[in-house]
Amino acid sequence: MKEDKDVLRAVFGQVYEAKSSLSQALEKYPRAFSEEVVTALKVGERGGAAKLAESMKNIGSNAPSESTSGGGMAGSLYPAGLLLGVIGLLVLIFTYLLPRSASSWL
């Protein structure tokens, strides 16, 4: 997480100080930014703002969604809630309902 912030700060610094274009700045960090993103930015920078917006829109539509890229926390809330509900139901059955019904049978 801290490494990501450092990369973004470095990219911002390079672009802000006009040392390089955005695509050139991102190109220096291949582990953080895919080749597709850098290439789309280069095309957009050469073609103007409209072309850049179109390129980024295409990248966005091809990006994996959170559900397929390991959005684990959101995906695990339903099973965790279901498990807690089942455990609660079992506790209710074994601590309240079964002893009550057993005493009525005797």
Protein backbone atom coordinates (compact mmCIF):
# COMPACT_ATOMS: atom_id res chain seq x y z
CA MET A 1 0.00 0.00 0.00
CA LYS A 2 2.76 2.43 0.93
CA GLU A 3 4.66 1.41 -2.20
CA ASP A 4 1.62 2.34 -4.32
CA LYS A 5 1.47 5.79 -2.75
CA ASP A 6 5.18 6.30 -3.38
CA VAL A 7 4.76 5.35 -7.05
CA LEU A 8 1.82 7.72 -7.47
CA ARG A 9 3.71 10.54 -5.77
CA ALA A 10 6.69 10.00 -8.07
CA VAL A 11 4.47 9.95 -11.17
CA PHE A 12 2.67 13.09 -10.03
CA GLY A 13 5.99 14.85 -9.36
CA GLN A 14 7.35 14.01 -12.82
CA VAL A 15 4.21 15.17 -14.61
CA TYR A 16 3.70 18.24 -12.40
CA GLU A 17 7.26 19.44 -12.96
CA ALA A 18 6.81 18.79 -16.72
CA LYS A 19 9.76 16.43 -16.79
CA SER A 20 7.70 13.92 -18.75
CA SER A 21 4.28 13.15 -20.10
CA LEU A 22 1.94 10.95 -18.10
CA SER A 23 2.63 7.92 -20.30
CA GLN A 24 6.39 8.38 -19.91
CA ALA A 25 6.05 8.69 -16.15
CA LEU A 26 3.89 5.55 -15.91
CA GLU A 27 6.25 3.66 -18.19
CA LYS A 28 8.95 3.89 -15.53
CA TYR A 29 6.85 1.67 -13.21
CA PRO A 30 5.93 -1.43 -15.23
CA ARG A 31 4.98 -3.43 -12.12
CA ALA A 32 2.39 -0.83 -11.15
CA PHE A 33 0.96 0.05 -14.58
CA SER A 34 0.27 -2.43 -17.35
CA GLU A 35 1.63 -2.01 -20.84
CA GLU A 36 -1.93 -1.64 -22.17
CA VAL A 37 -2.57 1.41 -20.00
CA VAL A 38 0.69 3.06 -21.02
CA THR A 39 0.07 2.35 -24.71
CA ALA A 40 -3.48 3.71 -24.53
CA LEU A 41 -2.18 6.86 -22.87
CA LYS A 42 0.46 7.31 -25.58
CA VAL A 43 -2.21 6.98 -28.27
CA GLY A 44 -4.44 9.41 -26.42
CA GLU A 45 -1.67 11.93 -25.90
CA ARG A 46 -0.86 11.89 -29.61
CA GLY A 47 -4.49 12.06 -30.69
CA GLY A 48 -5.76 14.72 -28.33
CA ALA A 49 -8.22 14.73 -25.46
CA ALA A 50 -11.07 13.01 -27.31
CA LYS A 51 -8.84 10.12 -28.35
CA LEU A 52 -7.45 9.85 -24.80
CA ALA A 53 -10.95 9.65 -23.32
CA GLU A 54 -11.89 6.95 -25.82
CA SER A 55 -8.72 4.96 -25.09
CA MET A 56 -9.27 5.11 -21.34
CA LYS A 57 -12.92 4.14 -21.77
CA ASN A 58 -11.83 1.06 -23.73
CA ILE A 59 -9.36 0.11 -21.01
CA GLY A 60 -12.04 0.55 -18.37
CA SER A 61 -14.48 -1.70 -20.17
CA ASN A 62 -11.81 -4.42 -20.49
CA ALA A 63 -10.61 -4.17 -16.88
CA PRO A 64 -11.54 -7.07 -14.62
CA SER A 65 -14.37 -6.31 -12.28
CA GLU A 66 -13.96 -6.36 -8.52
CA SER A 67 -15.84 -9.63 -8.26
CA THR A 68 -13.40 -11.36 -10.60
CA SER A 69 -10.23 -9.69 -9.38
CA GLY A 70 -10.39 -10.86 -5.81
CA GLY A 71 -12.79 -8.46 -4.12
CA GLY A 72 -12.76 -11.01 -1.32
CA MET A 73 -14.19 -8.99 1.52
CA ALA A 74 -17.41 -8.05 -0.24
CA GLY A 75 -17.80 -11.56 -1.63
CA SER A 76 -17.38 -13.18 1.77
CA LEU A 77 -19.99 -11.14 3.64
CA TYR A 78 -22.95 -13.24 2.49
CA PRO A 79 -21.43 -16.64 3.39
CA ALA A 80 -20.24 -15.28 6.74
CA GLY A 81 -23.74 -13.95 7.52
CA LEU A 82 -25.30 -17.22 6.46
CA LEU A 83 -22.89 -19.18 8.68
CA LEU A 84 -23.64 -16.94 11.67
CA GLY A 85 -27.37 -17.38 11.08
CA VAL A 86 -27.05 -21.18 10.98
CA ILE A 87 -24.93 -21.19 14.15
CA GLY A 88 -27.48 -18.97 15.89
CA LEU A 89 -30.30 -21.28 14.83
CA LEU A 90 -28.44 -24.34 16.12
CA VAL A 91 -27.77 -22.63 19.46
CA LEU A 92 -31.47 -21.77 19.75
CA ILE A 93 -32.51 -25.33 18.95
CA PHE A 94 -30.08 -26.99 21.37
CA THR A 95 -30.41 -24.55 24.28
CA TYR A 96 -34.08 -23.65 24.19
CA LEU A 97 -36.27 -25.78 21.94
CA LEU A 98 -34.91 -29.28 22.61
CA PRO A 99 -34.85 -28.97 26.41
CA ARG A 100 -38.36 -27.51 26.39
CA SER A 101 -39.75 -30.23 24.13
CA ALA A 102 -37.94 -32.97 26.12
CA SER A 103 -39.57 -31.81 29.34
CA SER A 104 -43.01 -31.88 27.73
CA TRP A 105 -42.48 -35.49 26.64
CA LEU A 106 -41.65 -36.61 30.15
